[in-house]
Amino acid sequence: MSISHLSPLASSFSSIIVSEIGDKTFFITAILGMTYSLGLVFIGSYSAMALMTILSCFFGFLLPQLIDKFYADILTCVLFLYFGQKLLRQFFSLQEEQDEEQEAREEVNNFQNKIKKQTDSKYLSQFAIIRASLILTFVAEWGDRSQITTIALATEDTYTVLIGALLGHLICTGTAVIGGKMIAQKIQEKWINLSGAILFLVFGFNNLKSVVF
């Protein structure tokens, strides 16, 4: 499979940026960052992202070993085109999508209430904050668009994609911790969807070209 003239590093990095800004995991990290220590939240959230990225790249590395490379290329192409058209429809749709921030806030509140029932202390320990950030982020990220995209990209150049994805998550997680809510409010979700749609469609058509020709 070829990403044509697109570098796997740039591809994985840019796909993470357009997938994660304004996503539920982005808001979870932002809400936790406004409540607890920025450093502890960053450690927990980024550890979850790093673990998910490593697993995704491992799955991407295994995929061509399990099925014929031609079919792996077709599957990757289909995934890119699917996400591209889905984001494009979301951009043109007049129907409001589920509020990612509200959903993230509910998940954080539910987790906090669960922890409070298990302890008499009003304050969470440092370990509890890291654990909460890690678990909430990891669960929200599982099966997410960025994870599937990382798996698809990693079928070609696993280690380069791993570096690009880790850098992308580093920037997104750091941004979310520092001022994620303010940034997300200033960037309209529809334009993020359009950027993501263009990016994924470019990936898809480039891969389609390499499969056909």
C-alpha atoms as a PDB file:
ATOM      1  CA  MET A   1       0.000   0.000   0.000  1.00  0.00           C
ATOM      2  CA  SER A   2       1.229   3.477  -0.739  1.00  0.00           C
ATOM      3  CA  ILE A   3       0.167   6.825   0.595  1.00  0.00           C
ATOM      4  CA  SER A   4       1.527   8.240  -2.632  1.00  0.00           C
ATOM      5  CA  HIS A   5       3.597  11.340  -1.948  1.00  0.00           C
ATOM      6  CA  LEU A   6       2.203  11.741   1.552  1.00  0.00           C
ATOM      7  CA  SER A   7       4.695  10.929   4.290  1.00  0.00           C
ATOM      8  CA  PRO A   8       3.436   8.298   6.766  1.00  0.00           C
ATOM      9  CA  LEU A   9       4.692  10.588   9.531  1.00  0.00           C
ATOM     10  CA  ALA A  10       2.690  13.555   8.244  1.00  0.00           C
ATOM     11  CA  SER A  11      -0.311  11.344   7.510  1.00  0.00           C
ATOM     12  CA  SER A  12      -0.515   9.869  11.001  1.00  0.00           C
ATOM     13  CA  PHE A  13       0.210  13.204  12.684  1.00  0.00           C
ATOM     14  CA  SER A  14      -2.418  15.153  10.716  1.00  0.00           C
ATOM     15  CA  SER A  15      -5.063  12.433  11.040  1.00  0.00           C
ATOM     16  CA  ILE A  16      -4.705  12.504  14.844  1.00  0.00           C
ATOM     17  CA  ILE A  17      -4.989  16.294  14.950  1.00  0.00           C
ATOM     18  CA  VAL A  18      -8.206  16.473  12.902  1.00  0.00           C
ATOM     19  CA  SER A  19      -9.690  13.450  14.695  1.00  0.00           C
ATOM     20  CA  GLU A  20      -8.983  14.465  18.280  1.00  0.00           C
ATOM     21  CA  ILE A  21      -9.578  18.228  18.456  1.00  0.00           C
ATOM     22  CA  GLY A  22     -13.110  18.641  19.823  1.00  0.00           C
ATOM     23  CA  ASP A  23     -13.515  14.877  20.289  1.00  0.00           C
ATOM     24  CA  LYS A  24     -14.964  13.320  23.462  1.00  0.00           C
ATOM     25  CA  THR A  25     -11.519  12.302  24.723  1.00  0.00           C
ATOM     26  CA  PHE A  26     -10.368  15.886  24.156  1.00  0.00           C
ATOM     27  CA  PHE A  27     -13.168  17.215  26.374  1.00  0.00           C
ATOM     28  CA  ILE A  28     -12.626  14.535  29.027  1.00  0.00           C
ATOM     29  CA  THR A  29      -8.998  15.636  29.342  1.00  0.00           C
ATOM     30  CA  ALA A  30     -10.007  19.320  29.349  1.00  0.00           C
ATOM     31  CA  ILE A  31     -12.632  18.826  32.089  1.00  0.00           C
ATOM     32  CA  LEU A  32     -10.250  16.810  34.251  1.00  0.00           C
ATOM     33  CA  GLY A  33      -7.553  19.447  33.689  1.00  0.00           C
ATOM     34  CA  MET A  34      -9.874  22.159  34.995  1.00  0.00           C
ATOM     35  CA  THR A  35     -10.603  20.096  38.108  1.00  0.00           C
ATOM     36  CA  TYR A  36      -7.312  18.460  39.074  1.00  0.00           C
ATOM     37  CA  SER A  37      -3.570  18.913  38.683  1.00  0.00           C
ATOM     38  CA  LEU A  38      -2.649  19.623  35.065  1.00  0.00           C
ATOM     39  CA  GLY A  39       0.479  17.494  35.279  1.00  0.00           C
ATOM     40  CA  LEU A  40      -1.286  14.466  36.749  1.00  0.00           C
ATOM     41  CA  VAL A  41      -4.129  14.644  34.239  1.00  0.00           C
ATOM     42  CA  PHE A  42      -1.634  14.933  31.389  1.00  0.00           C
ATOM     43  CA  ILE A  43       0.285  11.880  32.616  1.00  0.00           C
ATOM     44  CA  GLY A  44      -2.866   9.780  32.851  1.00  0.00           C
ATOM     45  CA  SER A  45      -4.477  10.925  29.601  1.00  0.00           C
ATOM     46  CA  TYR A  46      -1.347  10.780  27.492  1.00  0.00           C
ATOM     47  CA  SER A  47      -0.419   7.369  28.911  1.00  0.00           C
ATOM     48  CA  ALA A  48      -3.818   6.116  27.726  1.00  0.00           C
ATOM     49  CA  MET A  49      -3.287   7.628  24.280  1.00  0.00           C
ATOM     50  CA  ALA A  50       0.240   6.231  24.037  1.00  0.00           C
ATOM     51  CA  LEU A  51      -0.935   2.756  25.063  1.00  0.00           C
ATOM     52  CA  MET A  52      -3.799   2.884  22.567  1.00  0.00           C
ATOM     53  CA  THR A  53      -1.435   4.048  19.816  1.00  0.00           C
ATOM     54  CA  ILE A  54       1.046   1.247  20.494  1.00  0.00           C
ATOM     55  CA  LEU A  55      -1.758  -1.323  20.415  1.00  0.00           C
ATOM     56  CA  SER A  56      -3.182   0.173  17.214  1.00  0.00           C
ATOM     57  CA  CYS A  57       0.192   0.114  15.475  1.00  0.00           C
ATOM     58  CA  PHE A  58       0.693  -3.480  16.603  1.00  0.00           C
ATOM     59  CA  PHE A  59      -2.682  -4.439  15.114  1.00  0.00           C
ATOM     60  CA  GLY A  60      -1.742  -2.580  11.930  1.00  0.00           C
ATOM     61  CA  PHE A  61       1.540  -4.472  11.770  1.00  0.00           C
ATOM     62  CA  LEU A  62      -0.247  -7.818  12.202  1.00  0.00           C
ATOM     63  CA  LEU A  63      -3.002  -7.168   9.659  1.00  0.00           C
ATOM     64  CA  PRO A  64      -0.912  -7.783   6.493  1.00  0.00           C
ATOM     65  CA  GLN A  65       0.507 -10.913   8.156  1.00  0.00           C
ATOM     66  CA  LEU A  66      -2.972 -12.331   8.744  1.00  0.00           C
ATOM     67  CA  ILE A  67      -4.585 -11.570   5.398  1.00  0.00           C
ATOM     68  CA  ASP A  68      -3.266 -11.088   1.885  1.00  0.00           C
ATOM     69  CA  LYS A  69      -1.656  -7.672   1.354  1.00  0.00           C
ATOM     70  CA  PHE A  70      -4.011  -6.876  -1.518  1.00  0.00           C
ATOM     71  CA  TYR A  71      -7.075  -7.338   0.695  1.00  0.00           C
ATOM     72  CA  ALA A  72      -5.416  -5.409   3.537  1.00  0.00           C
ATOM     73  CA  ASP A  73      -4.896  -2.512   1.106  1.00  0.00           C
ATOM     74  CA  ILE A  74      -8.534  -2.641  -0.006  1.00  0.00           C
ATOM     75  CA  LEU A  75      -9.749  -2.709   3.611  1.00  0.00           C
ATOM     76  CA  THR A  76      -7.585   0.297   4.441  1.00  0.00           C
ATOM     77  CA  CYS A  77      -8.876   2.168   1.406  1.00  0.00           C
ATOM     78  CA  VAL A  78     -12.499   1.438   2.333  1.00  0.00           C
ATOM     79  CA  LEU A  79     -11.943   2.675   5.907  1.00  0.00           C
ATOM     80  CA  PHE A  80     -10.443   5.974   4.727  1.00  0.00           C
ATOM     81  CA  LEU A  81     -13.248   6.595   2.234  1.00  0.00           C
ATOM     82  CA  TYR A  82     -15.884   5.632   4.813  1.00  0.00           C
ATOM     83  CA  PHE A  83     -14.592   8.098   7.404  1.00  0.00           C
ATOM     84  CA  GLY A  84     -14.145  10.762   4.740  1.00  0.00           C
ATOM     85  CA  GLN A  85     -17.726  10.571   3.459  1.00  0.00           C
ATOM     86  CA  LYS A  86     -19.074  10.327   7.014  1.00  0.00           C
ATOM     87  CA  LEU A  87     -17.322  13.546   8.054  1.00  0.00           C
ATOM     88  CA  LEU A  88     -18.416  15.222   4.826  1.00  0.00           C
ATOM     89  CA  ARG A  89     -22.057  14.325   5.518  1.00  0.00           C
ATOM     90  CA  GLN A  90     -21.685  15.668   9.056  1.00  0.00           C
ATOM     91  CA  PHE A  91     -20.356  18.938   7.613  1.00  0.00           C
ATOM     92  CA  PHE A  92     -23.357  19.399   5.306  1.00  0.00           C
ATOM     93  CA  SER A  93     -25.925  18.005   7.713  1.00  0.00           C
ATOM     94  CA  LEU A  94     -28.318  20.468   9.327  1.00  0.00           C
ATOM     95  CA  GLN A  95     -29.041  18.008  12.096  1.00  0.00           C
ATOM     96  CA  GLU A  96     -27.187  18.735  15.325  1.00  0.00           C
ATOM     97  CA  GLU A  97     -24.920  15.997  16.576  1.00  0.00           C
ATOM     98  CA  GLN A  98     -24.696  14.800  20.117  1.00  0.00           C
ATOM     99  CA  ASP A  99     -22.928  17.260  22.348  1.00  0.00           C
ATOM    100  CA  GLU A 100     -19.458  15.769  22.844  1.00  0.00           C
ATOM    101  CA  GLU A 101     -18.709  18.101  25.749  1.00  0.00           C
ATOM    102  CA  GLN A 102     -21.892  17.169  27.617  1.00  0.00           C
ATOM    103  CA  GLU A 103     -21.254  13.468  27.094  1.00  0.00           C
ATOM    104  CA  ALA A 104     -17.688  13.845  28.343  1.00  0.00           C
ATOM    105  CA  ARG A 105     -18.862  15.800  31.387  1.00  0.00           C
ATOM    106  CA  GLU A 106     -21.384  13.079  32.266  1.00  0.00           C
ATOM    107  CA  GLU A 107     -18.741  10.368  32.045  1.00  0.00           C
ATOM    108  CA  VAL A 108     -16.365  12.343  34.268  1.00  0.00           C
ATOM    109  CA  ASN A 109     -19.125  13.013  36.824  1.00  0.00           C
ATOM    110  CA  ASN A 110     -20.172   9.353  36.887  1.00  0.00           C
ATOM    111  CA  PHE A 111     -16.592   8.252  37.436  1.00  0.00           C
ATOM    112  CA  GLN A 112     -16.066  10.838  40.195  1.00  0.00           C
ATOM    113  CA  ASN A 113     -19.227   9.725  41.997  1.00  0.00           C
ATOM    114  CA  LYS A 114     -18.132   6.118  41.769  1.00  0.00           C
ATOM    115  CA  ILE A 115     -14.744   6.936  43.294  1.00  0.00           C
ATOM    116  CA  LYS A 116     -16.293   9.037  46.076  1.00  0.00           C
ATOM    117  CA  LYS A 117     -18.461   6.083  47.109  1.00  0.00           C
ATOM    118  CA  GLN A 118     -15.323   3.988  47.472  1.00  0.00           C
ATOM    119  CA  THR A 119     -13.447   6.448  49.691  1.00  0.00           C
ATOM    120  CA  ASP A 120     -14.234   8.688  52.642  1.00  0.00           C
ATOM    121  CA  SER A 121     -11.768  11.359  51.541  1.00  0.00           C
ATOM    122  CA  LYS A 122     -13.044  14.518  49.833  1.00  0.00           C
ATOM    123  CA  TYR A 123      -9.886  14.699  47.747  1.00  0.00           C
ATOM    124  CA  LEU A 124      -8.485  12.243  45.243  1.00  0.00           C
ATOM    125  CA  SER A 125      -4.930  11.020  45.682  1.00  0.00           C
ATOM    126  CA  GLN A 126      -2.380  11.655  42.949  1.00  0.00           C
ATOM    127  CA  PHE A 127      -2.581   8.022  41.872  1.00  0.00           C
ATOM    128  CA  ALA A 128      -6.391   8.195  41.743  1.00  0.00           C
ATOM    129  CA  ILE A 129      -6.259  11.249  39.467  1.00  0.00           C
ATOM    130  CA  ILE A 130      -3.808   9.560  37.098  1.00  0.00           C
ATOM    131  CA  ARG A 131      -5.869   6.374  37.137  1.00  0.00           C
ATOM    132  CA  ALA A 132      -9.111   8.247  36.445  1.00  0.00           C
ATOM    133  CA  SER A 133      -7.537  10.167  33.545  1.00  0.00           C
ATOM    134  CA  LEU A 134      -6.055   6.999  32.084  1.00  0.00           C
ATOM    135  CA  ILE A 135      -9.180   4.839  32.344  1.00  0.00           C
ATOM    136  CA  LEU A 136     -11.657   7.474  31.126  1.00  0.00           C
ATOM    137  CA  THR A 137      -9.454   8.413  28.162  1.00  0.00           C
ATOM    138  CA  PHE A 138      -8.646   4.829  27.201  1.00  0.00           C
ATOM    139  CA  VAL A 139     -12.271   3.674  27.281  1.00  0.00           C
ATOM    140  CA  ALA A 140     -13.462   6.707  25.294  1.00  0.00           C
ATOM    141  CA  GLU A 141     -10.708   6.213  22.707  1.00  0.00           C
ATOM    142  CA  TRP A 142     -11.349   2.501  22.120  1.00  0.00           C
ATOM    143  CA  GLY A 143     -12.912   2.024  18.675  1.00  0.00           C
ATOM    144  CA  ASP A 144     -12.606   5.745  17.952  1.00  0.00           C
ATOM    145  CA  ARG A 145     -11.909   7.060  14.449  1.00  0.00           C
ATOM    146  CA  SER A 146      -8.302   7.933  15.296  1.00  0.00           C
ATOM    147  CA  GLN A 147      -7.629   4.384  16.508  1.00  0.00           C
ATOM    148  CA  ILE A 148      -8.995   2.784  13.336  1.00  0.00           C
ATOM    149  CA  THR A 149      -7.069   5.264  11.195  1.00  0.00           C
ATOM    150  CA  THR A 150      -3.832   4.516  13.048  1.00  0.00           C
ATOM    151  CA  ILE A 151      -4.333   0.789  12.478  1.00  0.00           C
ATOM    152  CA  ALA A 152      -4.903   1.398   8.764  1.00  0.00           C
ATOM    153  CA  LEU A 153      -1.850   3.633   8.366  1.00  0.00           C
ATOM    154  CA  ALA A 154       0.349   1.284  10.383  1.00  0.00           C
ATOM    155  CA  THR A 155      -0.134  -1.510   7.848  1.00  0.00           C
ATOM    156  CA  GLU A 156       2.477   0.224   5.681  1.00  0.00           C
ATOM    157  CA  ASP A 157       5.087   1.841   7.918  1.00  0.00           C
ATOM    158  CA  THR A 158       4.415   0.860  11.514  1.00  0.00           C
ATOM    159  CA  TYR A 159       7.245   2.642  13.305  1.00  0.00           C
ATOM    160  CA  THR A 160       6.958   5.938  11.413  1.00  0.00           C
ATOM    161  CA  VAL A 161       3.194   5.982  11.943  1.00  0.00           C
ATOM    162  CA  LEU A 162       3.754   5.256  15.633  1.00  0.00           C
ATOM    163  CA  ILE A 163       6.005   8.319  15.981  1.00  0.00           C
ATOM    164  CA  GLY A 164       3.612  10.581  14.064  1.00  0.00           C
ATOM    165  CA  ALA A 165       0.579   9.431  16.063  1.00  0.00           C
ATOM    166  CA  LEU A 166       2.386   9.819  19.391  1.00  0.00           C
ATOM    167  CA  LEU A 167       3.412  13.364  18.439  1.00  0.00           C
ATOM    168  CA  GLY A 168      -0.150  14.182  17.385  1.00  0.00           C
ATOM    169  CA  HIS A 169      -1.583  12.873  20.654  1.00  0.00           C
ATOM    170  CA  LEU A 170       1.104  14.755  22.588  1.00  0.00           C
ATOM    171  CA  ILE A 171      -0.021  18.053  21.072  1.00  0.00           C
ATOM    172  CA  CYS A 172      -3.748  17.297  21.398  1.00  0.00           C
ATOM    173  CA  THR A 173      -3.474  16.103  25.008  1.00  0.00           C
ATOM    174  CA  GLY A 174      -1.277  19.037  26.010  1.00  0.00           C
ATOM    175  CA  THR A 175      -3.666  21.458  24.325  1.00  0.00           C
ATOM    176  CA  ALA A 176      -6.680  19.890  26.020  1.00  0.00           C
ATOM    177  CA  VAL A 177      -5.070  20.046  29.469  1.00  0.00           C
ATOM    178  CA  ILE A 178      -3.976  23.667  29.121  1.00  0.00           C
ATOM    179  CA  GLY A 179      -7.063  25.193  27.543  1.00  0.00           C
ATOM    180  CA  GLY A 180      -9.053  22.614  25.658  1.00  0.00           C
ATOM    181  CA  LYS A 181     -12.538  23.945  26.372  1.00  0.00           C
ATOM    182  CA  MET A 182     -11.684  27.509  25.322  1.00  0.00           C
ATOM    183  CA  ILE A 183      -9.990  26.322  22.112  1.00  0.00           C
ATOM    184  CA  ALA A 184     -12.793  23.923  21.201  1.00  0.00           C
ATOM    185  CA  GLN A 185     -15.363  26.709  21.639  1.00  0.00           C
ATOM    186  CA  LYS A 186     -13.442  28.982  19.243  1.00  0.00           C
ATOM    187  CA  ILE A 187     -13.139  26.309  16.540  1.00  0.00           C
ATOM    188  CA  GLN A 188     -16.465  25.312  14.993  1.00  0.00           C
ATOM    189  CA  GLU A 189     -16.896  21.541  14.807  1.00  0.00           C
ATOM    190  CA  LYS A 190     -18.176  21.715  11.214  1.00  0.00           C
ATOM    191  CA  TRP A 191     -14.828  23.059   9.980  1.00  0.00           C
ATOM    192  CA  ILE A 192     -12.963  20.344  11.866  1.00  0.00           C
ATOM    193  CA  ASN A 193     -15.251  17.824  10.158  1.00  0.00           C
ATOM    194  CA  LEU A 194     -14.532  19.361   6.750  1.00  0.00           C
ATOM    195  CA  SER A 195     -10.769  19.266   7.332  1.00  0.00           C
ATOM    196  CA  GLY A 196     -10.988  15.652   8.456  1.00  0.00           C
ATOM    197  CA  ALA A 197     -13.190  14.725   5.480  1.00  0.00           C
ATOM    198  CA  ILE A 198     -10.729  16.194   2.992  1.00  0.00           C
ATOM    199  CA  LEU A 199      -7.791  14.491   4.682  1.00  0.00           C
ATOM    200  CA  PHE A 200      -9.396  11.038   4.826  1.00  0.00           C
ATOM    201  CA  LEU A 201     -10.695  11.267   1.257  1.00  0.00           C
ATOM    202  CA  VAL A 202      -7.192  12.165   0.061  1.00  0.00           C
ATOM    203  CA  PHE A 203      -5.844   9.126   1.924  1.00  0.00           C
ATOM    204  CA  GLY A 204      -8.593   6.942   0.475  1.00  0.00           C
ATOM    205  CA  PHE A 205      -8.211   8.006  -3.162  1.00  0.00           C
ATOM    206  CA  ASN A 206      -4.414   7.810  -2.999  1.00  0.00           C
ATOM    207  CA  ASN A 207      -4.664   4.265  -1.681  1.00  0.00           C
ATOM    208  CA  LEU A 208      -7.341   3.412  -4.257  1.00  0.00           C
ATOM    209  CA  LYS A 209      -5.017   4.627  -6.987  1.00  0.00           C
ATOM    210  CA  SER A 210      -2.186   2.424  -5.690  1.00  0.00           C
ATOM    211  CA  VAL A 211      -4.492  -0.629  -5.434  1.00  0.00           C
ATOM    212  CA  VAL A 212      -5.977  -0.201  -8.931  1.00  0.00           C
ATOM    213  CA  PHE A 213      -2.793   0.774 -10.723  1.00  0.00           C
END
